Amino acid sequence: MKLKELHAMPNINIRKWYYHLKHRYATMNNVVVMVAIVVGASWTWGSIGMMQRNYTLQKEVDAKTREQQLANLEVQTLTFEQNYYKSPEYQDLAMRMRLGMVDAGERALILPPNSQVAINEDTHYQQKQTKTIQPESNFQQWVNFLFGASRRGSS
């Protein structure tokens, strides 16, 4: 039965198929075109990879440049701050604040810390101020802008 099944299969002539493939598709022109396509694809792939690498390296260089500029600014700021602390103006101000010293002809007024009653009054006043101010609607703001009226001033 197996022998009959083998004879029933379509007869494939490999030599004929190979000859047809070789003479129809494996011509010198087709080989040259395929080689050119492979070279072009590999060149394109390499170029894209190199561009990606250059882009990444340029981002790193830019980041390092920004870090260097920031470090230079910090150095300048610290130098200015150091010069300020060495200046006679700062030293005079520090003596006034820390030691309570005054120049000739000046009088120092030293106030006691606020009492709890004063602190409570201040917070109550601030809460009262925030409650009375209500935001205006967008339409009312436009009316005030266009006609020069102030809703808060007119009411």
C-alpha atoms as a PDB file:
ATOM      1  CA  MET A   1       0.000   0.000   0.000  1.00  0.00           C
ATOM      2  CA  LYS A   2       2.817   2.342   0.742  1.00  0.00           C
ATOM      3  CA  LEU A   3       4.349   1.805  -2.636  1.00  0.00           C
ATOM      4  CA  LYS A   4       1.085   2.697  -4.341  1.00  0.00           C
ATOM      5  CA  GLU A   5       0.788   5.871  -2.274  1.00  0.00           C
ATOM      6  CA  LEU A   6       4.276   6.919  -3.278  1.00  0.00           C
ATOM      7  CA  HIS A   7       3.431   6.442  -6.949  1.00  0.00           C
ATOM      8  CA  ALA A   8       0.202   8.382  -6.475  1.00  0.00           C
ATOM      9  CA  MET A   9       2.048  11.501  -5.263  1.00  0.00           C
ATOM     10  CA  PRO A  10       2.699  14.073  -7.947  1.00  0.00           C
ATOM     11  CA  ASN A  11       5.961  13.554  -9.677  1.00  0.00           C
ATOM     12  CA  ILE A  12       8.320  16.382  -8.753  1.00  0.00           C
ATOM     13  CA  ASN A  13      11.222  16.678 -11.030  1.00  0.00           C
ATOM     14  CA  ILE A  14      13.899  18.350  -8.902  1.00  0.00           C
ATOM     15  CA  ARG A  15      16.349  18.692 -11.741  1.00  0.00           C
ATOM     16  CA  LYS A  16      13.823  20.512 -13.847  1.00  0.00           C
ATOM     17  CA  TRP A  17      12.876  22.813 -10.960  1.00  0.00           C
ATOM     18  CA  TYR A  18      16.574  23.510 -10.183  1.00  0.00           C
ATOM     19  CA  TYR A  19      17.318  24.291 -13.835  1.00  0.00           C
ATOM     20  CA  HIS A  20      14.343  26.640 -14.018  1.00  0.00           C
ATOM     21  CA  LEU A  21      15.381  28.422 -10.803  1.00  0.00           C
ATOM     22  CA  LYS A  22      19.003  28.737 -11.844  1.00  0.00           C
ATOM     23  CA  HIS A  23      18.363  30.121 -15.326  1.00  0.00           C
ATOM     24  CA  ARG A  24      15.436  32.327 -14.479  1.00  0.00           C
ATOM     25  CA  TYR A  25      16.331  33.887 -11.103  1.00  0.00           C
ATOM     26  CA  ALA A  26      20.052  33.272 -10.530  1.00  0.00           C
ATOM     27  CA  THR A  27      21.266  35.480 -13.338  1.00  0.00           C
ATOM     28  CA  MET A  28      24.229  37.801 -12.949  1.00  0.00           C
ATOM     29  CA  ASN A  29      21.965  40.875 -12.951  1.00  0.00           C
ATOM     30  CA  ASN A  30      19.846  39.481 -10.127  1.00  0.00           C
ATOM     31  CA  VAL A  31      22.930  38.529  -8.119  1.00  0.00           C
ATOM     32  CA  VAL A  32      24.392  42.036  -8.518  1.00  0.00           C
ATOM     33  CA  VAL A  33      21.085  43.613  -7.490  1.00  0.00           C
ATOM     34  CA  MET A  34      20.840  41.364  -4.409  1.00  0.00           C
ATOM     35  CA  VAL A  35      24.411  42.159  -3.379  1.00  0.00           C
ATOM     36  CA  ALA A  36      23.713  45.882  -3.832  1.00  0.00           C
ATOM     37  CA  ILE A  37      20.554  45.591  -1.708  1.00  0.00           C
ATOM     38  CA  VAL A  38      22.448  43.764   1.055  1.00  0.00           C
ATOM     39  CA  VAL A  39      25.282  46.347   1.007  1.00  0.00           C
ATOM     40  CA  GLY A  40      22.804  49.244   1.023  1.00  0.00           C
ATOM     41  CA  ALA A  41      20.781  47.741   3.864  1.00  0.00           C
ATOM     42  CA  SER A  42      23.878  47.107   5.958  1.00  0.00           C
ATOM     43  CA  TRP A  43      25.142  50.638   5.294  1.00  0.00           C
ATOM     44  CA  THR A  44      21.752  52.091   6.254  1.00  0.00           C
ATOM     45  CA  TRP A  45      21.610  49.978   9.412  1.00  0.00           C
ATOM     46  CA  GLY A  46      25.117  51.058  10.407  1.00  0.00           C
ATOM     47  CA  SER A  47      24.345  54.724   9.724  1.00  0.00           C
ATOM     48  CA  ILE A  48      21.212  54.623  11.834  1.00  0.00           C
ATOM     49  CA  GLY A  49      23.111  52.953  14.671  1.00  0.00           C
ATOM     50  CA  MET A  50      25.879  55.560  14.482  1.00  0.00           C
ATOM     51  CA  MET A  51      23.367  58.437  14.428  1.00  0.00           C
ATOM     52  CA  GLN A  52      21.677  57.009  17.523  1.00  0.00           C
ATOM     53  CA  ARG A  53      25.041  56.693  19.282  1.00  0.00           C
ATOM     54  CA  ASN A  54      25.997  60.269  18.321  1.00  0.00           C
ATOM     55  CA  TYR A  55      22.651  61.565  19.567  1.00  0.00           C
ATOM     56  CA  THR A  56      23.088  59.802  22.910  1.00  0.00           C
ATOM     57  CA  LEU A  57      26.644  61.073  23.293  1.00  0.00           C
ATOM     58  CA  GLN A  58      25.572  64.622  22.405  1.00  0.00           C
ATOM     59  CA  LYS A  59      22.868  64.489  25.078  1.00  0.00           C
ATOM     60  CA  GLU A  60      25.490  63.423  27.607  1.00  0.00           C
ATOM     61  CA  VAL A  61      27.824  66.241  26.534  1.00  0.00           C
ATOM     62  CA  ASP A  62      25.005  68.781  26.845  1.00  0.00           C
ATOM     63  CA  ALA A  63      24.113  67.479  30.304  1.00  0.00           C
ATOM     64  CA  LYS A  64      27.740  67.697  31.435  1.00  0.00           C
ATOM     65  CA  THR A  65      27.994  71.234  30.013  1.00  0.00           C
ATOM     66  CA  ARG A  66      24.900  72.281  31.967  1.00  0.00           C
ATOM     67  CA  GLU A  67      26.311  70.707  35.118  1.00  0.00           C
ATOM     68  CA  GLN A  68      29.573  72.590  34.600  1.00  0.00           C
ATOM     69  CA  GLN A  69      27.745  75.882  34.085  1.00  0.00           C
ATOM     70  CA  LEU A  70      25.695  75.241  37.221  1.00  0.00           C
ATOM     71  CA  ALA A  71      28.847  74.462  39.212  1.00  0.00           C
ATOM     72  CA  ASN A  72      30.481  77.664  37.923  1.00  0.00           C
ATOM     73  CA  LEU A  73      27.428  79.683  38.964  1.00  0.00           C
ATOM     74  CA  GLU A  74      27.478  78.088  42.409  1.00  0.00           C
ATOM     75  CA  VAL A  75      31.172  78.936  42.763  1.00  0.00           C
ATOM     76  CA  GLN A  76      30.473  82.538  41.744  1.00  0.00           C
ATOM     77  CA  THR A  77      27.556  82.752  44.157  1.00  0.00           C
ATOM     78  CA  LEU A  78      29.630  81.384  47.014  1.00  0.00           C
ATOM     79  CA  THR A  79      32.468  83.803  46.163  1.00  0.00           C
ATOM     80  CA  PHE A  80      30.052  86.748  46.222  1.00  0.00           C
ATOM     81  CA  GLU A  81      28.570  85.492  49.472  1.00  0.00           C
ATOM     82  CA  GLN A  82      32.021  85.112  51.004  1.00  0.00           C
ATOM     83  CA  ASN A  83      32.948  88.663  49.921  1.00  0.00           C
ATOM     84  CA  TYR A  84      29.682  89.931  51.402  1.00  0.00           C
ATOM     85  CA  TYR A  85      30.394  88.261  54.747  1.00  0.00           C
ATOM     86  CA  LYS A  86      33.839  89.863  54.775  1.00  0.00           C
ATOM     87  CA  SER A  87      32.467  93.325  54.001  1.00  0.00           C
ATOM     88  CA  PRO A  88      32.220  95.998  56.714  1.00  0.00           C
ATOM     89  CA  GLU A  89      28.524  96.515  55.918  1.00  0.00           C
ATOM     90  CA  TYR A  90      27.675  92.916  56.820  1.00  0.00           C
ATOM     91  CA  GLN A  91      29.859  92.991  59.914  1.00  0.00           C
ATOM     92  CA  ASP A  92      28.142  96.187  61.080  1.00  0.00           C
ATOM     93  CA  LEU A  93      24.715  94.669  60.410  1.00  0.00           C
ATOM     94  CA  ALA A  94      25.632  91.445  62.217  1.00  0.00           C
ATOM     95  CA  MET A  95      26.813  93.368  65.281  1.00  0.00           C
ATOM     96  CA  ARG A  96      23.567  95.310  65.332  1.00  0.00           C
ATOM     97  CA  MET A  97      21.400  92.197  65.036  1.00  0.00           C
ATOM     98  CA  ARG A  98      23.273  89.786  67.285  1.00  0.00           C
ATOM     99  CA  LEU A  99      24.735  92.025  69.910  1.00  0.00           C
ATOM    100  CA  GLY A 100      22.154  94.788  69.913  1.00  0.00           C
ATOM    101  CA  MET A 101      24.809  97.445  69.244  1.00  0.00           C
ATOM    102  CA  VAL A 102      23.877 100.830  67.781  1.00  0.00           C
ATOM    103  CA  ASP A 103      25.752 103.644  66.070  1.00  0.00           C
ATOM    104  CA  ALA A 104      26.398 106.924  67.794  1.00  0.00           C
ATOM    105  CA  GLY A 105      23.208 108.948  68.050  1.00  0.00           C
ATOM    106  CA  GLU A 106      20.884 105.970  67.537  1.00  0.00           C
ATOM    107  CA  ARG A 107      18.651 104.402  70.117  1.00  0.00           C
ATOM    108  CA  ALA A 108      17.694 100.774  70.236  1.00  0.00           C
ATOM    109  CA  LEU A 109      14.070  99.884  70.791  1.00  0.00           C
ATOM    110  CA  ILE A 110      13.694  96.376  72.146  1.00  0.00           C
ATOM    111  CA  LEU A 111      10.134  95.087  72.251  1.00  0.00           C
ATOM    112  CA  PRO A 112       8.958  92.124  74.277  1.00  0.00           C
ATOM    113  CA  PRO A 113       7.574  89.141  72.379  1.00  0.00           C
ATOM    114  CA  ASN A 114       3.886  89.226  71.490  1.00  0.00           C
ATOM    115  CA  SER A 115       1.456  88.018  74.097  1.00  0.00           C
ATOM    116  CA  GLN A 116      -0.992  85.214  73.349  1.00  0.00           C
ATOM    117  CA  VAL A 117      -3.863  87.730  73.184  1.00  0.00           C
ATOM    118  CA  ALA A 118      -2.088  89.690  70.416  1.00  0.00           C
ATOM    119  CA  ILE A 119      -1.363  86.503  68.482  1.00  0.00           C
ATOM    120  CA  ASN A 120      -5.017  85.404  68.727  1.00  0.00           C
ATOM    121  CA  GLU A 121      -6.242  88.813  67.555  1.00  0.00           C
ATOM    122  CA  ASP A 122      -3.900  88.734  64.588  1.00  0.00           C
ATOM    123  CA  THR A 123      -5.077  85.279  63.470  1.00  0.00           C
ATOM    124  CA  HIS A 124      -8.716  86.292  63.962  1.00  0.00           C
ATOM    125  CA  TYR A 125      -8.179  89.408  61.819  1.00  0.00           C
ATOM    126  CA  GLN A 126      -6.480  87.402  59.067  1.00  0.00           C
ATOM    127  CA  GLN A 127      -9.303  84.849  59.010  1.00  0.00           C
ATOM    128  CA  LYS A 128     -11.854  87.647  58.839  1.00  0.00           C
ATOM    129  CA  GLN A 129     -10.033  89.236  55.883  1.00  0.00           C
ATOM    130  CA  THR A 130      -9.890  85.976  53.933  1.00  0.00           C
ATOM    131  CA  LYS A 131     -13.608  85.301  54.488  1.00  0.00           C
ATOM    132  CA  THR A 132     -14.785  88.699  53.233  1.00  0.00           C
ATOM    133  CA  ILE A 133     -12.945  88.524  49.892  1.00  0.00           C
ATOM    134  CA  GLN A 134     -14.975  86.412  47.457  1.00  0.00           C
ATOM    135  CA  PRO A 135     -13.654  85.676  43.984  1.00  0.00           C
ATOM    136  CA  GLU A 136     -15.518  87.234  41.095  1.00  0.00           C
ATOM    137  CA  SER A 137     -16.940  85.192  38.265  1.00  0.00           C
ATOM    138  CA  ASN A 138     -15.177  85.238  34.915  1.00  0.00           C
ATOM    139  CA  PHE A 139     -18.080  87.174  33.374  1.00  0.00           C
ATOM    140  CA  GLN A 140     -17.951  89.816  36.098  1.00  0.00           C
ATOM    141  CA  GLN A 141     -14.201  90.191  35.661  1.00  0.00           C
ATOM    142  CA  TRP A 142     -14.708  90.820  31.929  1.00  0.00           C
ATOM    143  CA  VAL A 143     -17.434  93.386  32.637  1.00  0.00           C
ATOM    144  CA  ASN A 144     -15.147  95.150  35.089  1.00  0.00           C
ATOM    145  CA  PHE A 145     -12.321  95.083  32.589  1.00  0.00           C
ATOM    146  CA  LEU A 146     -14.375  96.338  29.632  1.00  0.00           C
ATOM    147  CA  PHE A 147     -16.328  99.056  31.431  1.00  0.00           C
ATOM    148  CA  GLY A 148     -13.691 100.087  33.966  1.00  0.00           C
ATOM    149  CA  ALA A 149     -15.927  99.381  36.942  1.00  0.00           C
ATOM    150  CA  SER A 150     -14.776  97.738  40.087  1.00  0.00           C
ATOM    151  CA  ARG A 151     -17.406  95.577  41.720  1.00  0.00           C
ATOM    152  CA  ARG A 152     -15.678  95.765  45.077  1.00  0.00           C
ATOM    153  CA  GLY A 153     -15.462  99.541  44.915  1.00  0.00           C
ATOM    154  CA  SER A 154     -19.102 100.047  43.862  1.00  0.00           C
ATOM    155  CA  SER A 155     -20.716  97.802  46.458  1.00  0.00           C
END
